[in-house]
Amino acid sequence: MMFKLDVLFEDDHCLVVNKPAGVAVHPSNEGQTGTLAHFVAAYYEQTGQNCPVRHIHRLDEWTSGPVLYAKNAASQRILDEAMRQKQIERIYIAFVSGRMKKQKGRLDYPIGRDRHHNQRRRVSATGDHAVTHFEIIEEYAGTTMVRLTLETGRTHQIRVHLSHIGHSLLGDKLYYGPVDRISRQALHGDQLIFTHPGTGEKIHIEAPWPEDLTILWNQLKKNKL
């Protein structure tokens, strides 16, 4: 799979790329190709930049949205620490099944591995601390659009939390979401906000929606409540 890298921000310190759904951020096994890391490496080579690929955070393979890269070791140290201190804000848009009872809320449920399924995670009393905040944006017949922000960054965190409260993402087969409207989980990294490691400036990135989410939204708006 090849595509033109969608660069949302770039300077000598950082690169932000809008990742399409269906592309892994980095290889998960030896010999895997076609990941975002490969495309970023190719982009650096094509533009004459001698930069190792240093991603600061990740997105699920089938989640679209911005991924932040550091171009040098100093920037990586600063941004990695900002991630640890929860100073990099990631805002997501999701379409979930059903109508939510509250306009906004905090989902504080620990997440661990599902011993019955290698890929799946689940809410578990012995799992890792995980907190997601949600806010309803629009409601439709049988579906809700929500804005989500993360306090923590556990694997599948948004998907597990929403499934746990009975509102699985549309298209999310792994967590029993309805698959009749979209062929992948309806989750997009809408915004990324971070402090620039060189200048200290607040950088606010908005990632354009992919075509499949725009089509889904236009369909749902016909039955807006």
N, C-alpha and C. Protein backbone atom coordinates (compact mmCIF):
# COMPACT_ATOMS: atom_id res chain seq x y z
N MET A 1 0.85 -1.20 0.00
CA MET A 1 0.00 0.00 0.00
C MET A 1 0.88 1.24 0.00
N MET A 2 0.63 2.16 -0.93
CA MET A 2 1.35 3.42 -0.96
C MET A 2 0.34 4.57 -0.96
N PHE A 3 0.73 5.66 -0.37
CA PHE A 3 -0.11 6.84 -0.40
C PHE A 3 0.78 8.05 -0.18
N LYS A 4 0.28 9.20 -0.56
CA LYS A 4 1.02 10.45 -0.34
C LYS A 4 0.87 10.83 1.12
N LEU A 5 1.99 11.00 1.78
CA LEU A 5 1.97 11.35 3.20
C LEU A 5 1.25 12.69 3.39
N ASP A 6 0.26 12.69 4.27
CA ASP A 6 -0.53 13.89 4.55
C ASP A 6 0.11 14.61 5.75
N VAL A 7 0.99 15.56 5.45
CA VAL A 7 1.72 16.28 6.49
C VAL A 7 0.88 17.46 6.99
N LEU A 8 0.58 17.46 8.28
CA LEU A 8 -0.23 18.51 8.89
C LEU A 8 0.62 19.61 9.52
N PHE A 9 1.85 19.26 9.90
CA PHE A 9 2.76 20.23 10.52
C PHE A 9 4.18 19.70 10.38
N GLU A 10 5.12 20.60 10.10
CA GLU A 10 6.51 20.18 10.03
C GLU A 10 7.44 21.37 10.23
N ASP A 11 8.48 21.15 11.02
CA ASP A 11 9.61 22.07 11.10
C ASP A 11 10.85 21.26 11.45
N ASP A 12 11.89 21.90 11.92
CA ASP A 12 13.13 21.17 12.20
C ASP A 12 13.04 20.26 13.42
N HIS A 13 12.01 20.43 14.24
CA HIS A 13 11.88 19.67 15.49
C HIS A 13 10.84 18.56 15.41
N CYS A 14 9.74 18.80 14.70
CA CYS A 14 8.57 17.92 14.76
C CYS A 14 7.98 17.66 13.38
N LEU A 15 7.27 16.57 13.31
CA LEU A 15 6.45 16.24 12.14
C LEU A 15 5.13 15.68 12.65
N VAL A 16 4.02 16.15 12.08
CA VAL A 16 2.70 15.58 12.40
C VAL A 16 2.08 15.11 11.10
N VAL A 17 1.71 13.84 11.07
CA VAL A 17 1.16 13.20 9.88
C VAL A 17 -0.26 12.73 10.15
N ASN A 18 -1.15 12.94 9.20
CA ASN A 18 -2.54 12.47 9.31
C ASN A 18 -2.59 11.02 8.83
N LYS A 19 -2.69 10.08 9.78
CA LYS A 19 -2.66 8.65 9.44
C LYS A 19 -4.01 8.18 8.92
N PRO A 20 -4.05 7.51 7.78
CA PRO A 20 -5.31 6.94 7.32
C PRO A 20 -5.64 5.65 8.07
N ALA A 21 -6.91 5.30 8.11
CA ALA A 21 -7.32 4.02 8.68
C ALA A 21 -6.75 2.89 7.84
N GLY A 22 -6.38 1.79 8.51
CA GLY A 22 -5.86 0.63 7.81
C GLY A 22 -4.36 0.58 7.70
N VAL A 23 -3.68 1.57 8.26
CA VAL A 23 -2.21 1.62 8.26
C VAL A 23 -1.73 1.57 9.70
N ALA A 24 -0.87 0.61 10.03
CA ALA A 24 -0.30 0.52 11.37
C ALA A 24 0.75 1.61 11.55
N VAL A 25 0.91 2.10 12.78
CA VAL A 25 1.91 3.15 13.04
C VAL A 25 3.32 2.59 12.86
N HIS A 26 3.56 1.37 13.33
CA HIS A 26 4.89 0.77 13.22
C HIS A 26 4.73 -0.74 13.07
N PRO A 27 5.77 -1.44 12.62
CA PRO A 27 5.66 -2.89 12.45
C PRO A 27 5.42 -3.60 13.78
N SER A 28 4.56 -4.61 13.75
CA SER A 28 4.30 -5.41 14.95
C SER A 28 5.01 -6.76 14.89
N ASN A 29 5.60 -7.07 13.73
CA ASN A 29 6.37 -8.31 13.61
C ASN A 29 7.47 -8.11 12.58
N GLU A 30 8.48 -8.94 12.65
CA GLU A 30 9.64 -8.82 11.77
C GLU A 30 9.22 -9.02 10.32
N GLY A 31 9.68 -8.13 9.47
CA GLY A 31 9.39 -8.25 8.05
C GLY A 31 8.14 -7.52 7.60
N GLN A 32 7.34 -6.99 8.55
CA GLN A 32 6.13 -6.27 8.16
C GLN A 32 6.49 -4.96 7.46
N THR A 33 5.82 -4.70 6.36
CA THR A 33 6.05 -3.46 5.62
C THR A 33 4.73 -2.69 5.50
N GLY A 34 4.77 -1.54 4.86
CA GLY A 34 3.55 -0.77 4.62
C GLY A 34 3.01 -0.07 5.84
N THR A 35 3.86 0.17 6.84
CA THR A 35 3.41 0.88 8.03
C THR A 35 3.71 2.38 7.88
N LEU A 36 3.13 3.17 8.76
CA LEU A 36 3.38 4.60 8.72
C LEU A 36 4.86 4.90 8.94
N ALA A 37 5.52 4.11 9.78
CA ALA A 37 6.95 4.29 10.00
C ALA A 37 7.73 4.16 8.69
N HIS A 38 7.35 3.21 7.85
CA HIS A 38 8.02 3.05 6.56
C HIS A 38 7.78 4.26 5.67
N PHE A 39 6.57 4.77 5.66
CA PHE A 39 6.24 5.91 4.81
C PHE A 39 6.92 7.18 5.30
N VAL A 40 7.01 7.34 6.61
CA VAL A 40 7.70 8.51 7.16
C VAL A 40 9.19 8.43 6.83
N ALA A 41 9.78 7.23 6.96
CA ALA A 41 11.19 7.05 6.61
C ALA A 41 11.44 7.40 5.15
N ALA A 42 10.54 6.94 4.28
CA ALA A 42 10.67 7.24 2.85
C ALA A 42 10.54 8.75 2.59
N TYR A 43 9.64 9.39 3.32
CA TYR A 43 9.45 10.84 3.18
C TYR A 43 10.72 11.58 3.61
N TYR A 44 11.31 11.18 4.73
CA TYR A 44 12.56 11.81 5.16
C TYR A 44 13.64 11.66 4.09
N GLU A 45 13.73 10.45 3.54
CA GLU A 45 14.75 10.20 2.52
C GLU A 45 14.52 11.05 1.28
N GLN A 46 13.25 11.11 0.84
CA GLN A 46 12.91 11.87 -0.36
C GLN A 46 13.17 13.37 -0.19
N THR A 47 13.03 13.86 1.03
CA THR A 47 13.20 15.29 1.28
C THR A 47 14.59 15.61 1.84
N GLY A 48 15.50 14.63 1.80
CA GLY A 48 16.88 14.87 2.20
C GLY A 48 17.09 15.11 3.67
N GLN A 49 16.23 14.50 4.52
CA GLN A 49 16.34 14.69 5.96
C GLN A 49 16.92 13.43 6.61
N ASN A 50 17.98 13.59 7.35
CA ASN A 50 18.62 12.46 8.01
C ASN A 50 18.04 12.32 9.42
N CYS A 51 16.83 11.79 9.50
CA CYS A 51 16.11 11.69 10.78
C CYS A 51 15.66 10.24 11.01
N PRO A 52 16.00 9.65 12.14
CA PRO A 52 15.35 8.39 12.50
C PRO A 52 13.85 8.63 12.73
N VAL A 53 13.07 7.58 12.60
CA VAL A 53 11.62 7.71 12.82
C VAL A 53 11.34 7.55 14.31
N ARG A 54 10.89 8.63 14.94
CA ARG A 54 10.64 8.63 16.39
C ARG A 54 9.19 9.03 16.65
N HIS A 55 8.28 8.08 16.74
CA HIS A 55 6.89 8.44 17.02
C HIS A 55 6.72 8.70 18.53
N ILE A 56 5.88 9.66 18.85
CA ILE A 56 5.66 10.05 20.25
C ILE A 56 4.43 9.34 20.83
N HIS A 57 3.46 9.07 20.00
CA HIS A 57 2.27 8.33 20.45
C HIS A 57 1.78 7.48 19.29
N ARG A 58 0.79 6.64 19.56
CA ARG A 58 0.30 5.72 18.54
C ARG A 58 -1.21 5.84 18.38
N LEU A 59 -1.69 5.33 17.26
CA LEU A 59 -3.11 5.14 17.02
C LEU A 59 -3.31 3.69 16.59
N ASP A 60 -4.48 3.14 16.89
CA ASP A 60 -4.82 1.81 16.38
C ASP A 60 -4.74 1.81 14.86
N GLU A 61 -4.49 0.63 14.29
CA GLU A 61 -4.38 0.50 12.84
C GLU A 61 -5.60 1.07 12.12
N TRP A 62 -6.80 0.82 12.66
CA TRP A 62 -8.02 1.23 11.96
C TRP A 62 -8.62 2.52 12.52
N THR A 63 -7.82 3.27 13.27
CA THR A 63 -8.20 4.62 13.69
C THR A 63 -7.41 5.62 12.86
N SER A 64 -8.07 6.63 12.35
CA SER A 64 -7.41 7.67 11.57
C SER A 64 -7.08 8.86 12.47
N GLY A 65 -6.16 9.71 12.00
CA GLY A 65 -5.86 10.91 12.77
C GLY A 65 -4.38 11.23 12.85
N PRO A 66 -4.02 12.30 13.59
CA PRO A 66 -2.65 12.80 13.61
C PRO A 66 -1.72 11.97 14.49
N VAL A 67 -0.51 11.75 13.98
CA VAL A 67 0.55 11.10 14.75
C VAL A 67 1.74 12.05 14.79
N LEU A 68 2.28 12.24 15.99
CA LEU A 68 3.37 13.18 16.22
C LEU A 68 4.72 12.46 16.22
N TYR A 69 5.68 13.03 15.49
CA TYR A 69 7.04 12.51 15.44
C TYR A 69 8.02 13.59 15.88
N ALA A 70 9.08 13.15 16.57
CA ALA A 70 10.20 14.04 16.90
C ALA A 70 11.31 13.82 15.88
N LYS A 71 11.96 14.89 15.49
CA LYS A 71 13.01 14.77 14.47
C LYS A 71 14.41 14.63 15.04
N ASN A 72 14.56 14.86 16.32
CA ASN A 72 15.89 14.71 16.92
C ASN A 72 15.72 14.22 18.36
N ALA A 73 16.83 13.79 18.94
CA ALA A 73 16.79 13.18 20.27
C ALA A 73 16.33 14.15 21.34
N ALA A 74 16.74 15.42 21.23
CA ALA A 74 16.34 16.41 22.24
C ALA A 74 14.84 16.64 22.22
N SER A 75 14.27 16.78 21.04
CA SER A 75 12.82 16.96 20.93
C SER A 75 12.08 15.73 21.42
N GLN A 76 12.63 14.56 21.12
CA GLN A 76 11.99 13.33 21.59
C GLN A 76 11.93 13.27 23.11
N ARG A 77 13.03 13.62 23.77
CA ARG A 77 13.05 13.61 25.24
C ARG A 77 11.98 14.53 25.82
N ILE A 78 11.87 15.73 25.24
CA ILE A 78 10.90 16.71 25.74
C ILE A 78 9.47 16.23 25.50
N LEU A 79 9.21 15.72 24.31
CA LEU A 79 7.85 15.28 23.97
C LEU A 79 7.47 14.00 24.70
N ASP A 80 8.42 13.09 24.87
CA ASP A 80 8.14 11.88 25.65
C ASP A 80 7.77 12.24 27.09
N GLU A 81 8.49 13.19 27.65
CA GLU A 81 8.18 13.62 29.01
C GLU A 81 6.81 14.31 29.07
N ALA A 82 6.50 15.09 28.05
CA ALA A 82 5.18 15.73 27.99
C ALA A 82 4.08 14.68 27.93
N MET A 83 4.31 13.58 27.22
CA MET A 83 3.33 12.49 27.19
C MET A 83 3.18 11.87 28.57
N ARG A 84 4.29 11.65 29.24
CA ARG A 84 4.24 11.06 30.58
C ARG A 84 3.51 11.97 31.56
N GLN A 85 3.67 13.27 31.39
CA GLN A 85 3.04 14.24 32.27
C GLN A 85 1.61 14.60 31.82
N LYS A 86 1.13 13.91 30.78
CA LYS A 86 -0.24 14.12 30.26
C LYS A 86 -0.44 15.55 29.78
N GLN A 87 0.60 16.11 29.15
CA GLN A 87 0.55 17.48 28.66
C GLN A 87 0.29 17.56 27.15
N ILE A 88 0.19 16.41 26.50
CA ILE A 88 -0.17 16.37 25.08
C ILE A 88 -1.63 15.96 24.99
N GLU A 89 -2.45 16.86 24.47
CA GLU A 89 -3.90 16.62 24.45
C GLU A 89 -4.30 15.98 23.12
N ARG A 90 -5.03 14.88 23.23
CA ARG A 90 -5.53 14.18 22.04
C ARG A 90 -7.06 14.15 22.12
N ILE A 91 -7.69 14.73 21.13
CA ILE A 91 -9.14 14.83 21.09
C ILE A 91 -9.66 13.99 19.92
N TYR A 92 -10.60 13.12 20.22
CA TYR A 92 -11.13 12.19 19.22
C TYR A 92 -12.61 12.46 18.95
N ILE A 93 -13.03 12.09 17.77
CA ILE A 93 -14.44 12.07 17.40
C ILE A 93 -14.82 10.61 17.15
N ALA A 94 -15.96 10.20 17.70
CA ALA A 94 -16.42 8.82 17.50
C ALA A 94 -17.92 8.79 17.28
N PHE A 95 -18.36 7.81 16.53
CA PHE A 95 -19.78 7.54 16.37
C PHE A 95 -20.06 6.23 17.08
N VAL A 96 -20.97 6.26 18.06
CA VAL A 96 -21.22 5.10 18.90
C VAL A 96 -22.67 4.65 18.80
N SER A 97 -22.89 3.39 19.11
CA SER A 97 -24.23 2.84 19.03
C SER A 97 -25.07 3.30 20.23
N GLY A 98 -26.35 3.56 19.97
CA GLY A 98 -27.28 3.92 21.03
C GLY A 98 -27.22 5.39 21.42
N ARG A 99 -28.14 5.78 22.31
CA ARG A 99 -28.18 7.15 22.85
C ARG A 99 -27.64 7.12 24.27
N MET A 100 -26.71 8.00 24.56
CA MET A 100 -26.07 8.03 25.87
C MET A 100 -26.94 8.79 26.86
N LYS A 101 -26.92 8.36 28.11
CA LYS A 101 -27.80 8.94 29.12
C LYS A 101 -27.30 10.31 29.61
N LYS A 102 -25.99 10.49 29.60
CA LYS A 102 -25.41 11.74 30.10
C LYS A 102 -24.80 12.53 28.95
N GLN A 103 -24.88 13.87 29.02
CA GLN A 103 -24.28 14.72 28.00
C GLN A 103 -22.76 14.68 28.03
N LYS A 104 -22.20 14.48 29.20
CA LYS A 104 -20.74 14.37 29.33
C LYS A 104 -20.42 13.51 30.55
N GLY A 105 -19.21 13.00 30.60
CA GLY A 105 -18.85 12.16 31.74
C GLY A 105 -17.41 11.72 31.70
N ARG A 106 -17.03 11.00 32.74
CA ARG A 106 -15.66 10.49 32.92
C ARG A 106 -15.72 8.98 33.08
N LEU A 107 -15.02 8.28 32.24
CA LEU A 107 -14.98 6.82 32.29
C LEU A 107 -13.66 6.42 32.93
N ASP A 108 -13.75 5.91 34.15
CA ASP A 108 -12.56 5.55 34.93
C ASP A 108 -12.63 4.06 35.22
N TYR A 109 -12.12 3.26 34.28
CA TYR A 109 -12.15 1.80 34.42
C TYR A 109 -10.78 1.23 34.03
N PRO A 110 -10.16 0.43 34.91
CA PRO A 110 -8.87 -0.17 34.57
C PRO A 110 -9.00 -1.16 33.41
N ILE A 111 -7.97 -1.22 32.59
CA ILE A 111 -8.00 -2.06 31.40
C ILE A 111 -6.87 -3.09 31.45
N GLY A 112 -7.24 -4.35 31.17
CA GLY A 112 -6.26 -5.42 31.11
C GLY A 112 -6.49 -6.29 29.89
N ARG A 113 -5.68 -7.28 29.72
CA ARG A 113 -5.83 -8.20 28.59
C ARG A 113 -7.02 -9.12 28.80
N ASP A 114 -7.62 -9.52 27.69
CA ASP A 114 -8.69 -10.51 27.72
C ASP A 114 -8.05 -11.88 27.51
N ARG A 115 -8.07 -12.70 28.54
CA ARG A 115 -7.36 -13.99 28.45
C ARG A 115 -8.00 -14.94 27.43
N HIS A 116 -9.20 -14.62 26.98
CA HIS A 116 -9.89 -15.47 26.01
C HIS A 116 -9.64 -15.03 24.56
N HIS A 117 -8.97 -13.88 24.38
CA HIS A 117 -8.77 -13.35 23.03
C HIS A 117 -7.46 -12.56 23.00
N ASN A 118 -6.53 -12.96 22.14
CA ASN A 118 -5.19 -12.35 22.13
C ASN A 118 -5.21 -10.86 21.82
N GLN A 119 -6.10 -10.43 20.93
CA GLN A 119 -6.12 -9.04 20.50
C GLN A 119 -6.95 -8.14 21.40
N ARG A 120 -7.94 -8.72 22.04
CA ARG A 120 -8.92 -7.89 22.75
C ARG A 120 -8.43 -7.52 24.15
N ARG A 121 -8.85 -6.34 24.60
CA ARG A 121 -8.66 -5.90 25.98
C ARG A 121 -10.03 -5.85 26.66
N ARG A 122 -10.02 -5.73 27.99
CA ARG A 122 -11.29 -5.66 28.70
C ARG A 122 -11.10 -4.87 29.99
N VAL A 123 -12.21 -4.39 30.54
CA VAL A 123 -12.16 -3.75 31.85
C VAL A 123 -11.90 -4.84 32.88
N SER A 124 -10.89 -4.61 33.72
CA SER A 124 -10.47 -5.62 34.70
C SER A 124 -10.00 -4.93 35.97
N ALA A 125 -10.43 -5.44 37.11
CA ALA A 125 -10.03 -4.85 38.40
C ALA A 125 -8.53 -4.87 38.58
N THR A 126 -7.84 -5.81 37.94
CA THR A 126 -6.39 -5.91 38.06
C THR A 126 -5.65 -5.25 36.89
N GLY A 127 -6.39 -4.54 36.04
CA GLY A 127 -5.79 -3.91 34.87
C GLY A 127 -5.11 -2.59 35.19
N ASP A 128 -4.64 -1.92 34.14
CA ASP A 128 -3.95 -0.64 34.28
C ASP A 128 -4.96 0.50 34.35
N HIS A 129 -4.64 1.51 35.16
CA HIS A 129 -5.46 2.70 35.32
C HIS A 129 -5.73 3.32 33.95
N ALA A 130 -7.00 3.65 33.67
CA ALA A 130 -7.37 4.23 32.38
C ALA A 130 -8.56 5.16 32.56
N VAL A 131 -8.43 6.38 32.01
CA VAL A 131 -9.50 7.38 32.14
C VAL A 131 -9.75 8.04 30.78
N THR A 132 -11.03 8.05 30.40
CA THR A 132 -11.49 8.69 29.17
C THR A 132 -12.61 9.67 29.51
N HIS A 133 -12.58 10.86 28.93
CA HIS A 133 -13.66 11.83 29.09
C HIS A 133 -14.46 11.89 27.80
N PHE A 134 -15.80 11.99 27.92
CA PHE A 134 -16.64 12.07 26.73
C PHE A 134 -17.63 13.22 26.84
N GLU A 135 -18.04 13.70 25.68
CA GLU A 135 -19.07 14.74 25.60
C GLU A 135 -19.87 14.53 24.32
N ILE A 136 -21.18 14.52 24.44
CA ILE A 136 -22.04 14.34 23.26
C ILE A 136 -21.98 15.59 22.38
N ILE A 137 -21.85 15.36 21.07
CA ILE A 137 -21.87 16.46 20.10
C ILE A 137 -23.21 16.50 19.37
N GLU A 138 -23.62 15.35 18.83
CA GLU A 138 -24.91 15.25 18.12
C GLU A 138 -25.54 13.89 18.39
N GLU A 139 -26.86 13.85 18.32
CA GLU A 139 -27.59 12.60 18.49
C GLU A 139 -28.44 12.32 17.27
N TYR A 140 -28.51 11.05 16.91
CA TYR A 140 -29.28 10.59 15.76
C TYR A 140 -30.12 9.40 16.21
N ALA A 141 -30.92 8.88 15.31
CA ALA A 141 -31.71 7.70 15.64
C ALA A 141 -30.77 6.51 15.85
N GLY A 142 -30.62 6.08 17.10
CA GLY A 142 -29.83 4.89 17.39
C GLY A 142 -28.33 5.08 17.42
N THR A 143 -27.87 6.33 17.25
CA THR A 143 -26.43 6.59 17.18
C THR A 143 -26.11 7.94 17.82
N THR A 144 -24.91 8.06 18.37
CA THR A 144 -24.47 9.32 18.97
C THR A 144 -23.07 9.66 18.51
N MET A 145 -22.84 10.94 18.20
CA MET A 145 -21.49 11.41 17.93
C MET A 145 -20.93 12.00 19.22
N VAL A 146 -19.75 11.56 19.62
CA VAL A 146 -19.15 12.03 20.87
C VAL A 146 -17.73 12.54 20.63
N ARG A 147 -17.36 13.49 21.47
CA ARG A 147 -15.98 13.97 21.52
C ARG A 147 -15.32 13.34 22.73
N LEU A 148 -14.11 12.83 22.56
CA LEU A 148 -13.42 12.11 23.62
C LEU A 148 -12.02 12.67 23.83
N THR A 149 -11.60 12.75 25.08
CA THR A 149 -10.22 13.10 25.40
C THR A 149 -9.65 12.05 26.34
N LEU A 150 -8.36 11.82 26.22
CA LEU A 150 -7.70 10.77 27.00
C LEU A 150 -6.85 11.36 28.11
N GLU A 151 -6.99 10.81 29.30
CA GLU A 151 -6.03 11.10 30.38
C GLU A 151 -4.88 10.11 30.32
N THR A 152 -5.18 8.89 29.88
CA THR A 152 -4.18 7.83 29.77
C THR A 152 -4.22 7.29 28.34
N GLY A 153 -3.28 6.45 27.99
CA GLY A 153 -3.21 5.96 26.62
C GLY A 153 -3.08 4.45 26.54
N ARG A 154 -4.01 3.74 27.13
CA ARG A 154 -3.97 2.28 27.10
C ARG A 154 -4.39 1.75 25.72
N THR A 155 -3.92 0.57 25.39
CA THR A 155 -4.29 -0.07 24.14
C THR A 155 -5.81 -0.23 24.06
N HIS A 156 -6.40 0.25 22.94
CA HIS A 156 -7.85 0.14 22.69
C HIS A 156 -8.68 0.86 23.75
N GLN A 157 -8.11 1.84 24.43
CA GLN A 157 -8.80 2.44 25.59
C GLN A 157 -10.20 2.95 25.27
N ILE A 158 -10.33 3.78 24.25
CA ILE A 158 -11.64 4.33 23.91
C ILE A 158 -12.61 3.22 23.55
N ARG A 159 -12.14 2.27 22.76
CA ARG A 159 -13.00 1.19 22.30
C ARG A 159 -13.48 0.33 23.46
N VAL A 160 -12.58 0.02 24.40
CA VAL A 160 -12.94 -0.80 25.56
C VAL A 160 -13.91 -0.05 26.47
N HIS A 161 -13.62 1.20 26.77
CA HIS A 161 -14.48 1.97 27.67
C HIS A 161 -15.88 2.14 27.12
N LEU A 162 -15.99 2.48 25.84
CA LEU A 162 -17.32 2.68 25.26
C LEU A 162 -18.09 1.36 25.17
N SER A 163 -17.40 0.30 24.83
CA SER A 163 -18.05 -1.01 24.80
C SER A 163 -18.54 -1.40 26.19
N HIS A 164 -17.73 -1.10 27.20
CA HIS A 164 -18.06 -1.47 28.58
C HIS A 164 -19.34 -0.81 29.06
N ILE A 165 -19.60 0.43 28.59
CA ILE A 165 -20.82 1.13 29.03
C ILE A 165 -21.98 0.92 28.06
N GLY A 166 -21.80 -0.01 27.12
CA GLY A 166 -22.90 -0.37 26.23
C GLY A 166 -23.05 0.49 24.99
N HIS A 167 -21.97 1.19 24.60
CA HIS A 167 -22.03 2.07 23.43
C HIS A 167 -20.81 1.83 22.54
N SER A 168 -20.72 0.62 21.99
CA SER A 168 -19.59 0.27 21.13
C SER A 168 -19.53 1.19 19.92
N LEU A 169 -18.32 1.38 19.41
CA LEU A 169 -18.13 2.18 18.20
C LEU A 169 -18.80 1.50 17.01
N LEU A 170 -19.41 2.30 16.15
CA LEU A 170 -19.90 1.75 14.89
C LEU A 170 -18.72 1.14 14.14
N GLY A 171 -18.93 -0.02 13.55
CA GLY A 171 -17.91 -0.67 12.74
C GLY A 171 -16.85 -1.43 13.51
N ASP A 172 -16.90 -1.44 14.83
CA ASP A 172 -15.85 -2.07 15.64
C ASP A 172 -16.20 -3.53 15.92
N LYS A 173 -15.83 -4.40 14.99
CA LYS A 173 -16.15 -5.82 15.10
C LYS A 173 -15.56 -6.44 16.36
N LEU A 174 -14.35 -6.03 16.72
CA LEU A 174 -13.66 -6.65 17.85
C LEU A 174 -14.41 -6.44 19.16
N TYR A 175 -15.10 -5.31 19.27
CA TYR A 175 -15.84 -4.99 20.49
C TYR A 175 -17.34 -4.92 20.26
N TYR A 176 -17.78 -5.73 19.28
CA TYR A 176 -19.21 -5.99 19.06
C TYR A 176 -20.00 -4.76 18.63
N GLY A 177 -19.36 -3.85 17.94
CA GLY A 177 -20.07 -2.69 17.39
C GLY A 177 -20.81 -3.07 16.11
N PRO A 178 -21.93 -2.41 15.81
CA PRO A 178 -22.68 -2.71 14.57
C PRO A 178 -21.86 -2.37 13.34
N VAL A 179 -21.92 -3.24 12.33
CA VAL A 179 -21.04 -3.10 11.17
C VAL A 179 -21.80 -2.81 9.87
N ASP A 180 -23.05 -2.39 10.00
CA ASP A 180 -23.85 -2.19 8.79
C ASP A 180 -23.65 -0.82 8.15
N ARG A 181 -23.01 0.12 8.82
CA ARG A 181 -22.89 1.49 8.30
C ARG A 181 -21.47 1.86 7.87
N ILE A 182 -20.47 1.25 8.47
CA ILE A 182 -19.08 1.58 8.15
C ILE A 182 -18.24 0.33 8.39
N SER A 183 -17.18 0.17 7.60
CA SER A 183 -16.43 -1.09 7.60
C SER A 183 -15.27 -1.11 8.58
N ARG A 184 -15.08 -0.03 9.33
CA ARG A 184 -14.02 0.00 10.35
C ARG A 184 -14.53 0.81 11.53
N GLN A 185 -13.79 0.78 12.65
CA GLN A 185 -14.26 1.52 13.82
C GLN A 185 -14.38 3.01 13.50
N ALA A 186 -15.50 3.59 13.85
CA ALA A 186 -15.78 4.99 13.52
C ALA A 186 -15.13 5.91 14.55
N LEU A 187 -13.79 5.97 14.49
CA LEU A 187 -13.00 6.72 15.46
C LEU A 187 -11.91 7.48 14.71
N HIS A 188 -11.83 8.78 14.99
CA HIS A 188 -10.86 9.64 14.30
C HIS A 188 -10.20 10.58 15.30
N GLY A 189 -8.87 10.66 15.24
CA GLY A 189 -8.15 11.65 16.03
C GLY A 189 -8.36 13.02 15.43
N ASP A 190 -9.24 13.80 16.01
CA ASP A 190 -9.67 15.06 15.43
C ASP A 190 -8.67 16.19 15.67
N GLN A 191 -8.10 16.23 16.87
CA GLN A 191 -7.20 17.32 17.22
C GLN A 191 -6.03 16.81 18.07
N LEU A 192 -4.89 17.48 17.91
CA LEU A 192 -3.69 17.19 18.69
C LEU A 192 -3.12 18.53 19.15
N ILE A 193 -2.92 18.66 20.47
CA ILE A 193 -2.44 19.92 21.03
C ILE A 193 -1.21 19.63 21.88
N PHE A 194 -0.10 20.31 21.57
CA PHE A 194 1.14 20.06 22.31
C PHE A 194 1.98 21.33 22.35
N THR A 195 2.89 21.38 23.30
CA THR A 195 3.83 22.49 23.41
C THR A 195 5.06 22.19 22.57
N HIS A 196 5.41 23.10 21.68
CA HIS A 196 6.54 22.87 20.79
C HIS A 196 7.83 22.69 21.60
N PRO A 197 8.60 21.63 21.32
CA PRO A 197 9.78 21.34 22.14
C PRO A 197 10.91 22.35 21.97
N GLY A 198 10.88 23.14 20.89
CA GLY A 198 11.93 24.11 20.66
C GLY A 198 11.57 25.52 21.07
N THR A 199 10.33 25.92 20.74
CA THR A 199 9.92 27.32 20.95
C THR A 199 9.04 27.53 22.17
N GLY A 200 8.43 26.45 22.67
CA GLY A 200 7.48 26.58 23.77
C GLY A 200 6.11 27.04 23.33
N GLU A 201 5.92 27.23 22.03
CA GLU A 201 4.63 27.67 21.48
C GLU A 201 3.61 26.53 21.58
N LYS A 202 2.36 26.90 21.81
CA LYS A 202 1.28 25.91 21.81
C LYS A 202 0.88 25.61 20.37
N ILE A 203 1.01 24.36 19.97
CA ILE A 203 0.68 23.94 18.61
C ILE A 203 -0.66 23.20 18.65
N HIS A 204 -1.60 23.63 17.84
CA HIS A 204 -2.94 23.05 17.79
C HIS A 204 -3.19 22.54 16.37
N ILE A 205 -3.23 21.23 16.23
CA ILE A 205 -3.41 20.58 14.93
C ILE A 205 -4.83 20.04 14.82
N GLU A 206 -5.49 20.32 13.71
CA GLU A 206 -6.78 19.71 13.40
C GLU A 206 -6.61 18.82 12.18
N ALA A 207 -7.02 17.57 12.31
CA ALA A 207 -6.85 16.60 11.23
C ALA A 207 -8.15 16.47 10.44
N PRO A 208 -8.13 16.71 9.13
CA PRO A 208 -9.34 16.56 8.32
C PRO A 208 -9.94 15.16 8.45
N TRP A 209 -11.26 15.10 8.41
CA TRP A 209 -11.93 13.80 8.48
C TRP A 209 -11.69 13.01 7.20
N PRO A 210 -11.52 11.69 7.32
CA PRO A 210 -11.45 10.85 6.13
C PRO A 210 -12.83 10.73 5.47
N GLU A 211 -12.80 10.32 4.23
CA GLU A 211 -14.02 10.29 3.43
C GLU A 211 -15.09 9.38 4.03
N ASP A 212 -14.69 8.22 4.56
CA ASP A 212 -15.71 7.28 5.07
C ASP A 212 -16.47 7.86 6.27
N LEU A 213 -15.79 8.62 7.12
CA LEU A 213 -16.48 9.23 8.25
C LEU A 213 -17.39 10.36 7.81
N THR A 214 -16.97 11.12 6.82
CA THR A 214 -17.80 12.20 6.29
C THR A 214 -19.07 11.65 5.67
N ILE A 215 -18.93 10.55 4.93
CA ILE A 215 -20.11 9.90 4.33
C ILE A 215 -21.05 9.40 5.42
N LEU A 216 -20.48 8.75 6.44
CA LEU A 216 -21.29 8.26 7.56
C LEU A 216 -22.04 9.40 8.23
N TRP A 217 -21.35 10.48 8.50
CA TRP A 217 -21.96 11.64 9.17
C TRP A 217 -23.11 12.20 8.35
N ASN A 218 -22.90 12.33 7.05
CA ASN A 218 -23.96 12.86 6.18
C ASN A 218 -25.18 11.95 6.17
N GLN A 219 -24.95 10.65 6.23
CA GLN A 219 -26.07 9.71 6.30
C GLN A 219 -26.82 9.84 7.62
N LEU A 220 -26.08 9.95 8.72
CA LEU A 220 -26.69 10.02 10.04
C LEU A 220 -27.47 11.31 10.23
N LYS A 221 -26.99 12.39 9.64
CA LYS A 221 -27.65 13.70 9.83
C LYS A 221 -29.08 13.73 9.29
N LYS A 222 -29.39 12.78 8.42
CA LYS A 222 -30.77 12.70 7.88
C LYS A 222 -31.75 12.30 8.98
N ASN A 223 -31.22 11.68 10.04
CA ASN A 223 -32.07 11.25 11.16
C ASN A 223 -31.62 11.90 12.47
N LYS A 224 -31.18 13.16 12.37
CA LYS A 224 -30.72 13.88 13.55
C LYS A 224 -31.89 14.18 14.49
N LEU A 225 -31.67 14.02 15.78
CA LEU A 225 -32.73 14.24 16.76
C LEU A 225 -32.71 15.69 17.25
